Amino acid sequence: MKILITGARGFVGQNLVAQLKNIKDGKEKIAPISADLILYEYDIDTDPALLDSYTKDCDFVCHLAGVNRPKEESEFMSGNFGFTSTLLDSLKKNGNKAPILISSSIQAALDNPYGRSKKAGEDLLFAYGKETGAPVMIYRFPNLFGKWCRPNYNSVVSTFCHNIAHNLPITVNDPKVILNLCYIDDVVAEIINAIAGNPTREGSYCVVPRVHTVSLGEIVELLTSFYESRQNLSVPMLADGFAKALYSTYLSYLPKDAFSYPLKMNVDDRGSFTEIIRTLDRGQFSVNITKPGITKGNHWHHTKNEKFVVVAGKGLIQFRKIGSDEVIDYYVSGDKIEVVDIPTGYTHNIKNIGTEDLVTFMWCNECFNPEKPDTYFEEVEK
């Protein structure tokens, strides 16, 4: 299959091309699109002469090129209507009735220069479909967000992600403003469905099935929490589809010299204990380092429970049920990664019985609360 993509280096185009190349390279399998793809990438600086050969040979057209921030108002019509006309004329000249998909905008319903230019492009495509019989798919996209979107251009989400990640100020005139947003991965998935012959239609138009409706204030609140998460070690509620997508987007705007961040290591002569992540509903995650010959723990819990995973070194985890004399031994090693549950009502410890540091990944079902620690010292071995 040969696919022509105009605007191939724009926000949507870049993401679409990357995923189609994943399919082409066999890294992603999406039926019924096979791996024998040929991609014709066309953008503003592509040799115009190539348009003729591309439109002669392609089996599908993704027309994503457009103008939304021109220097002159007249560029709206030349970019959004004029080039569409040029593209369709080239297809007609070559007798190519390949399906064509065009990225329009919800603003096509508005009476402004950008909206009028988008509507003109839509009308041109509808007329082309009637004239030639070629299948046409018009997507009126709402505001889009995701990785590789240019900040300080025409996306408030990308601008806020960039500025907050770089600790730069943002301006919010009205936090109650409601935005309808589509995540780029959902957009690309829908376009690929359309290429495969299964577009999602609503009347004369095609749509991305998943739209997030959120206020500007909610977006700022989430982004601020992402920025602060490096200090309070929190992570967003990833069950929320919008928060998950926004967090992935935010991370793509991190400064190149700030991918990593320090953690507070609680160090003593026994080793160290370092908390990695705290969550409101899923507990906390930590890494514990125990020096050779050292025993840590010797305490029990009423309700608090943990999971230990030794990832390096050799250790012994011991248990004794409160009120019992029986000691239960579990030998653990980084050579065999396994999870050891720490049941409630059992005093327990962990010993480094090797010659190197014992490194243990620990999960606890609740974050440590000094006012209610639910931790009671008692030796495992009497």
Protein backbone atom coordinates (compact mmCIF):
# COMPACT_ATOMS: atom_id res chain seq x y z
CA MET A 1 0.00 0.00 0.00
CA LYS A 2 1.29 3.45 -0.96
CA ILE A 3 0.21 6.34 1.28
CA LEU A 4 0.67 10.02 0.49
CA ILE A 5 0.86 12.18 3.60
CA THR A 6 0.80 15.95 3.17
CA GLY A 7 1.94 17.97 6.16
CA ALA A 8 4.12 14.99 7.05
CA ARG A 9 6.32 16.98 9.40
CA GLY A 10 3.49 18.72 11.21
CA PHE A 11 2.20 17.63 14.61
CA VAL A 12 -0.31 15.05 13.38
CA GLY A 13 1.80 14.07 10.38
CA GLN A 14 4.91 13.40 12.44
CA ASN A 15 3.03 11.12 14.83
CA LEU A 16 1.19 9.34 12.01
CA VAL A 17 4.38 8.75 10.00
CA ALA A 18 6.14 7.37 13.08
CA GLN A 19 3.35 4.83 13.71
CA LEU A 20 3.06 3.84 10.05
CA LYS A 21 6.82 3.22 10.03
CA ASN A 22 6.34 1.00 13.08
CA ILE A 23 3.85 -1.01 11.01
CA LYS A 24 6.18 -1.00 8.01
CA ASP A 25 9.09 -2.26 10.13
CA GLY A 26 6.98 -4.97 11.75
CA LYS A 27 7.13 -3.36 15.20
CA GLU A 28 3.35 -2.94 15.25
CA LYS A 29 0.69 -5.11 13.65
CA ILE A 30 -2.62 -3.49 12.80
CA ALA A 31 -4.99 -5.48 10.62
CA PRO A 32 -5.64 -5.26 7.76
CA ILE A 33 -2.68 -2.95 7.01
CA SER A 34 0.29 -5.03 5.90
CA ALA A 35 3.96 -4.23 6.37
CA ASP A 36 4.56 -3.59 2.65
CA LEU A 37 3.90 0.12 3.08
CA ILE A 38 5.43 2.85 0.98
CA LEU A 39 5.12 6.33 2.50
CA TYR A 40 5.23 9.45 0.36
CA GLU A 41 5.98 12.30 2.78
CA TYR A 42 5.12 15.74 1.46
CA ASP A 43 5.65 18.99 3.35
CA ILE A 44 6.11 22.69 2.76
CA ASP A 45 9.75 22.36 1.68
CA THR A 46 9.25 19.26 -0.50
CA ASP A 47 10.01 19.68 -4.22
CA PRO A 48 6.57 20.55 -5.71
CA ALA A 49 7.38 18.41 -8.73
CA LEU A 50 7.11 15.32 -6.54
CA LEU A 51 3.41 15.95 -5.96
CA ASP A 52 2.62 14.78 -9.48
CA SER A 53 4.47 11.48 -9.12
CA TYR A 54 3.05 10.91 -5.64
CA THR A 55 -0.56 11.51 -6.71
CA LYS A 56 -0.05 9.26 -9.72
CA ASP A 57 1.13 6.33 -7.62
CA CYS A 58 -0.56 6.52 -4.18
CA ASP A 59 -3.35 4.24 -2.95
CA PHE A 60 -4.49 6.53 -0.11
CA VAL A 61 -4.13 10.23 0.68
CA CYS A 62 -3.83 11.69 4.17
CA HIS A 63 -4.13 15.41 3.59
CA LEU A 64 -2.89 16.92 6.84
CA ALA A 65 -1.21 20.05 5.47
CA GLY A 66 -2.71 23.39 6.44
CA VAL A 67 -2.13 26.88 7.76
CA ASN A 68 -3.27 28.04 11.20
CA ARG A 69 -0.84 30.82 12.19
CA PRO A 70 -0.06 32.77 9.00
CA LYS A 71 1.74 36.10 8.78
CA GLU A 72 -1.02 37.44 6.55
CA GLU A 73 -4.74 36.64 6.80
CA SER A 74 -4.86 35.79 3.11
CA GLU A 75 -2.57 32.82 3.76
CA PHE A 76 -5.44 31.03 5.47
CA MET A 77 -7.29 30.61 2.18
CA SER A 78 -4.19 29.90 0.08
CA GLY A 79 -2.93 27.31 2.54
CA ASN A 80 -6.16 25.59 3.52
CA PHE A 81 -8.12 25.95 0.29
CA GLY A 82 -5.51 26.68 -2.35
CA PHE A 83 -3.21 23.72 -1.70
CA THR A 84 -6.21 21.39 -1.30
CA SER A 85 -7.30 22.50 -4.77
CA THR A 86 -3.80 21.86 -6.12
CA LEU A 87 -3.74 18.39 -4.55
CA LEU A 88 -7.14 17.41 -5.93
CA ASP A 89 -6.32 18.77 -9.39
CA SER A 90 -3.18 16.61 -9.40
CA LEU A 91 -5.18 13.52 -8.45
CA LYS A 92 -7.75 14.23 -11.16
CA LYS A 93 -5.04 14.84 -13.74
CA ASN A 94 -3.57 11.44 -12.98
CA GLY A 95 -6.95 9.72 -12.87
CA ASN A 96 -6.31 8.57 -9.31
CA LYS A 97 -9.51 7.92 -7.35
CA ALA A 98 -7.74 6.80 -4.19
CA PRO A 99 -9.57 7.45 -0.88
CA ILE A 100 -8.63 10.81 0.59
CA LEU A 101 -8.74 11.91 4.22
CA ILE A 102 -8.52 15.55 5.17
CA SER A 103 -7.86 17.10 8.58
CA SER A 104 -10.26 19.96 9.07
CA SER A 105 -11.21 21.74 12.27
CA ILE A 106 -14.25 22.33 14.46
CA GLN A 107 -13.66 25.99 13.58
CA ALA A 108 -14.94 25.23 10.08
CA ALA A 109 -18.37 25.87 11.62
CA LEU A 110 -17.32 29.40 12.68
CA ASP A 111 -17.33 32.60 10.68
CA ASN A 112 -13.68 33.63 11.00
CA PRO A 113 -10.83 33.66 8.45
CA TYR A 114 -9.43 30.32 9.61
CA GLY A 115 -12.85 28.69 9.84
CA ARG A 116 -13.91 29.95 6.41
CA SER A 117 -10.72 28.61 4.83
CA LYS A 118 -11.24 25.20 6.42
CA LYS A 119 -14.89 25.12 5.33
CA ALA A 120 -13.85 26.00 1.78
CA GLY A 121 -11.44 23.08 1.79
CA GLU A 122 -14.20 20.76 3.06
CA ASP A 123 -16.65 21.89 0.36
CA LEU A 124 -13.98 21.38 -2.28
CA LEU A 125 -13.41 17.82 -1.11
CA PHE A 126 -17.12 16.99 -0.95
CA ALA A 127 -17.49 18.25 -4.53
CA TYR A 128 -14.44 16.25 -5.60
CA GLY A 129 -15.94 13.08 -4.12
CA LYS A 130 -19.22 13.60 -5.97
CA GLU A 131 -17.43 14.36 -9.23
CA THR A 132 -14.94 11.49 -9.19
CA GLY A 133 -16.54 8.89 -6.94
CA ALA A 134 -13.42 8.78 -4.79
CA PRO A 135 -14.12 8.02 -1.11
CA VAL A 136 -13.63 11.15 1.02
CA MET A 137 -13.25 11.41 4.78
CA ILE A 138 -13.31 14.77 6.53
CA TYR A 139 -12.30 15.00 10.18
CA ARG A 140 -13.22 18.15 12.06
CA PHE A 141 -10.65 17.82 14.80
CA PRO A 142 -11.07 19.68 18.09
CA ASN A 143 -7.99 20.88 19.96
CA LEU A 144 -5.27 18.23 19.83
CA PHE A 145 -2.50 17.49 22.31
CA GLY A 146 0.39 15.09 22.71
CA LYS A 147 4.12 14.70 22.17
CA TRP A 148 5.88 16.75 19.48
CA CYS A 149 3.26 19.51 19.42
CA ARG A 150 4.94 22.89 19.07
CA PRO A 151 4.63 25.05 22.22
CA ASN A 152 3.82 28.76 22.16
CA TYR A 153 2.15 28.32 18.78
CA ASN A 154 -1.50 27.28 18.63
CA SER A 155 -1.95 24.71 21.43
CA VAL A 156 -2.56 25.87 24.97
CA VAL A 157 -1.83 22.36 26.29
CA SER A 158 1.59 22.17 24.65
CA THR A 159 2.41 25.71 25.78
CA PHE A 160 1.42 25.02 29.38
CA CYS A 161 3.27 21.67 29.36
CA HIS A 162 6.43 23.32 28.08
CA ASN A 163 6.31 26.32 30.38
CA ILE A 164 5.46 24.42 33.55
CA ALA A 165 8.09 21.75 32.81
CA HIS A 166 10.64 24.55 32.34
CA ASN A 167 9.44 26.44 35.42
CA LEU A 168 8.23 29.34 33.28
CA PRO A 169 5.12 31.44 33.99
CA ILE A 170 1.77 30.76 32.32
CA THR A 171 -1.22 33.03 31.86
CA VAL A 172 -4.75 31.82 32.66
CA ASN A 173 -7.39 34.43 31.92
CA ASP A 174 -10.38 32.24 32.78
CA PRO A 175 -9.85 28.83 34.43
CA LYS A 176 -13.53 27.95 33.81
CA VAL A 177 -13.08 27.88 30.03
CA ILE A 178 -14.05 24.41 28.74
CA LEU A 179 -11.91 22.69 26.11
CA ASN A 180 -12.71 19.64 23.99
CA LEU A 181 -9.46 17.79 23.43
CA CYS A 182 -8.28 14.76 21.47
CA TYR A 183 -5.07 12.93 22.35
CA ILE A 184 -2.68 12.39 19.45
CA ASP A 185 -2.49 8.61 19.90
CA ASP A 186 -6.29 8.42 19.58
CA VAL A 187 -6.14 10.62 16.49
CA VAL A 188 -3.46 8.47 14.86
CA ALA A 189 -5.34 5.28 15.73
CA GLU A 190 -8.48 6.67 14.09
CA ILE A 191 -6.58 7.74 10.95
CA ILE A 192 -5.09 4.26 10.67
CA ASN A 193 -8.59 2.81 11.05
CA ALA A 194 -9.65 5.05 8.17
CA ILE A 195 -6.72 3.87 6.05
CA ALA A 196 -7.82 0.31 6.82
CA GLY A 197 -11.32 1.17 5.56
CA ASN A 198 -13.02 1.59 8.94
CA PRO A 199 -13.44 5.31 9.69
CA THR A 200 -15.75 6.38 12.51
CA ARG A 201 -18.52 8.39 10.89
CA GLU A 202 -21.13 10.78 12.25
CA GLY A 203 -23.23 11.95 9.35
CA SER A 204 -21.17 13.49 6.59
CA TYR A 205 -18.07 13.79 8.76
CA CYS A 206 -15.65 11.43 10.46
CA VAL A 207 -14.73 11.74 14.12
CA VAL A 208 -12.23 10.59 16.70
CA PRO A 209 -14.35 8.50 19.11
CA ARG A 210 -12.63 9.70 22.28
CA VAL A 211 -12.90 13.38 23.20
CA HIS A 212 -11.90 14.75 26.61
CA THR A 213 -13.94 17.67 27.93
CA VAL A 214 -12.01 19.52 30.64
CA SER A 215 -11.64 23.03 31.99
CA LEU A 216 -8.51 25.11 31.62
CA GLY A 217 -8.26 25.21 35.41
CA GLU A 218 -8.29 21.41 35.62
CA ILE A 219 -5.48 21.20 33.08
CA VAL A 220 -3.36 23.69 35.01
CA GLU A 221 -4.05 21.90 38.29
CA LEU A 222 -2.96 18.57 36.82
CA LEU A 223 0.16 20.00 35.20
CA THR A 224 1.14 21.74 38.41
CA SER A 225 0.75 18.44 40.28
CA PHE A 226 3.00 16.75 37.71
CA TYR A 227 5.67 19.40 38.27
CA GLU A 228 5.40 19.04 42.05
CA SER A 229 5.45 15.23 41.89
CA ARG A 230 9.23 15.23 41.88
CA GLN A 231 9.17 16.77 45.34
CA ASN A 232 6.24 14.87 46.89
CA LEU A 233 6.93 11.66 44.90
CA SER A 234 3.31 11.37 43.78
CA VAL A 235 2.06 9.96 40.48
CA PRO A 236 -1.22 10.82 38.76
CA MET A 237 -4.35 8.67 38.85
CA LEU A 238 -3.62 6.79 35.66
CA ALA A 239 -7.06 5.16 35.63
CA ASP A 240 -8.25 8.59 34.44
CA GLY A 241 -7.70 8.49 30.68
CA PHE A 242 -7.14 12.23 30.36
CA ALA A 243 -4.66 12.44 33.25
CA LYS A 244 -2.74 9.50 31.79
CA ALA A 245 -2.53 11.12 28.35
CA LEU A 246 -1.68 14.54 29.77
CA TYR A 247 1.09 13.12 31.97
CA SER A 248 2.64 11.33 28.99
CA THR A 249 2.43 14.60 27.07
CA TYR A 250 3.95 16.61 29.93
CA LEU A 251 6.95 14.29 30.20
CA SER A 252 7.77 14.85 26.52
CA TYR A 253 8.37 18.55 27.31
CA LEU A 254 10.91 18.01 30.10
CA PRO A 255 14.14 19.97 29.61
CA LYS A 256 16.86 17.80 28.09
CA ASP A 257 19.06 18.26 31.15
CA ALA A 258 16.27 17.44 33.63
CA PHE A 259 15.11 13.92 32.83
CA SER A 260 16.46 12.74 36.20
CA TYR A 261 15.80 14.06 39.70
CA PRO A 262 17.30 13.27 43.10
CA LEU A 263 15.67 11.22 45.86
CA LYS A 264 16.20 11.55 49.59
CA MET A 265 18.32 8.62 50.78
CA ASN A 266 17.97 7.79 54.47
CA VAL A 267 21.44 6.43 55.16
CA ASP A 268 23.01 4.90 58.27
CA ASP A 269 25.68 2.29 58.96
CA ARG A 270 23.19 -0.51 58.14
CA GLY A 271 22.59 0.71 54.58
CA SER A 272 19.89 2.98 53.20
CA PHE A 273 16.16 3.31 52.59
CA THR A 274 14.89 5.47 49.73
CA GLU A 275 11.28 6.18 48.90
CA ILE A 276 10.59 6.34 45.16
CA ILE A 277 6.84 6.91 44.70
CA ARG A 278 3.92 7.80 46.97
CA THR A 279 0.30 7.37 45.92
CA LEU A 280 -3.00 8.15 47.60
CA ASP A 281 -4.58 4.80 46.83
CA ARG A 282 -1.79 2.40 45.85
CA GLY A 283 0.71 2.85 48.66
CA GLN A 284 4.39 3.67 48.41
CA PHE A 285 7.35 2.19 46.55
CA SER A 286 10.87 2.19 47.98
CA VAL A 287 14.30 0.68 47.57
CA ASN A 288 16.12 -0.70 50.59
CA ILE A 289 19.86 -1.42 50.73
CA THR A 290 21.15 -3.66 53.52
CA LYS A 291 24.87 -3.99 54.24
CA PRO A 292 26.45 -7.48 54.64
CA GLY A 293 25.75 -9.04 58.05
CA ILE A 294 22.99 -6.52 58.85
CA THR A 295 19.41 -7.37 59.87
CA LYS A 296 16.58 -4.88 59.33
CA GLY A 297 12.97 -4.98 60.42
CA ASN A 298 11.90 -7.07 63.42
CA HIS A 299 8.45 -5.53 63.54
CA TRP A 300 4.86 -6.39 62.66
CA HIS A 301 1.68 -4.69 61.45
CA HIS A 302 -2.06 -4.94 62.09
CA THR A 303 -3.26 -3.85 58.64
CA LYS A 304 -0.24 -2.53 56.78
CA ASN A 305 1.13 -5.09 54.33
CA GLU A 306 4.16 -5.18 52.08
CA LYS A 307 5.80 -6.98 49.18
CA PHE A 308 9.59 -7.50 49.07
CA VAL A 309 11.53 -8.18 45.88
CA VAL A 310 15.28 -8.77 46.23
CA VAL A 311 16.99 -7.66 43.02
CA ALA A 312 20.66 -8.00 44.05
CA GLY A 313 22.58 -9.90 46.73
CA LYS A 314 21.61 -12.81 48.98
CA GLY A 315 19.16 -12.50 51.84
CA LEU A 316 17.01 -14.27 54.38
CA ILE A 317 13.49 -13.05 55.20
CA GLN A 318 12.18 -14.45 58.48
CA PHE A 319 8.66 -14.53 59.90
CA ARG A 320 7.07 -15.44 63.21
CA LYS A 321 3.37 -15.22 63.88
CA ILE A 322 2.62 -13.12 66.93
CA GLY A 323 1.99 -15.48 69.84
CA SER A 324 3.86 -18.36 68.17
CA ASP A 325 7.43 -19.68 68.52
CA GLU A 326 7.76 -21.02 64.97
CA VAL A 327 10.22 -19.11 62.78
CA ILE A 328 9.65 -19.34 59.02
CA ASP A 329 12.65 -18.79 56.71
CA TYR A 330 12.58 -17.58 53.10
CA TYR A 331 15.93 -17.43 51.31
CA VAL A 332 15.99 -14.81 48.57
CA SER A 333 18.48 -13.76 45.94
CA GLY A 334 18.88 -11.40 43.03
CA ASP A 335 19.62 -14.52 40.98
CA LYS A 336 15.95 -15.51 41.26
CA ILE A 337 13.56 -12.57 41.20
CA GLU A 338 10.45 -13.37 43.20
CA VAL A 339 7.91 -11.56 45.36
CA VAL A 340 7.64 -12.29 49.07
CA ASP A 341 4.38 -11.14 50.68
CA ILE A 342 4.63 -9.79 54.23
CA PRO A 343 1.41 -10.93 55.93
CA THR A 344 -0.21 -8.95 58.72
CA GLY A 345 0.21 -10.30 62.23
CA TYR A 346 3.70 -11.70 61.53
CA THR A 347 6.81 -10.03 62.89
CA HIS A 348 9.43 -10.12 60.15
CA ASN A 349 12.97 -9.14 59.29
CA ILE A 350 15.37 -9.23 56.37
CA LYS A 351 19.01 -10.25 56.72
CA ASN A 352 21.90 -9.80 54.33
CA ILE A 353 23.62 -13.20 54.38
CA GLY A 354 25.86 -12.46 51.40
CA THR A 355 29.10 -10.53 50.90
CA GLU A 356 27.63 -7.68 48.85
CA ASP A 357 24.86 -5.14 49.41
CA LEU A 358 21.37 -6.63 49.51
CA VAL A 359 19.06 -4.52 47.32
CA THR A 360 15.34 -4.93 47.92
CA PHE A 361 12.47 -3.27 46.12
CA MET A 362 9.62 -2.76 48.59
CA TRP A 363 5.96 -1.94 48.11
CA CYS A 364 3.70 -1.02 51.01
CA ASN A 365 -0.07 -0.76 50.67
CA GLU A 366 -0.14 2.62 52.43
CA CYS A 367 2.18 5.58 52.71
CA PHE A 368 3.99 5.91 56.02
CA ASN A 369 2.01 7.99 58.52
CA PRO A 370 4.06 8.96 61.60
CA GLU A 371 0.84 9.63 63.52
CA LYS A 372 -0.40 6.09 62.84
CA PRO A 373 2.60 3.99 61.87
CA ASP A 374 0.97 0.58 62.53
CA THR A 375 4.49 -0.76 63.17
CA TYR A 376 5.38 -2.64 66.37
CA PHE A 377 8.90 -3.76 67.25
CA GLU A 378 9.32 -7.43 68.16
CA GLU A 379 12.30 -9.69 67.46
CA VAL A 380 11.58 -12.58 65.13
CA GLU A 381 14.11 -14.80 66.88
CA LYS A 382 13.50 -14.82 70.62
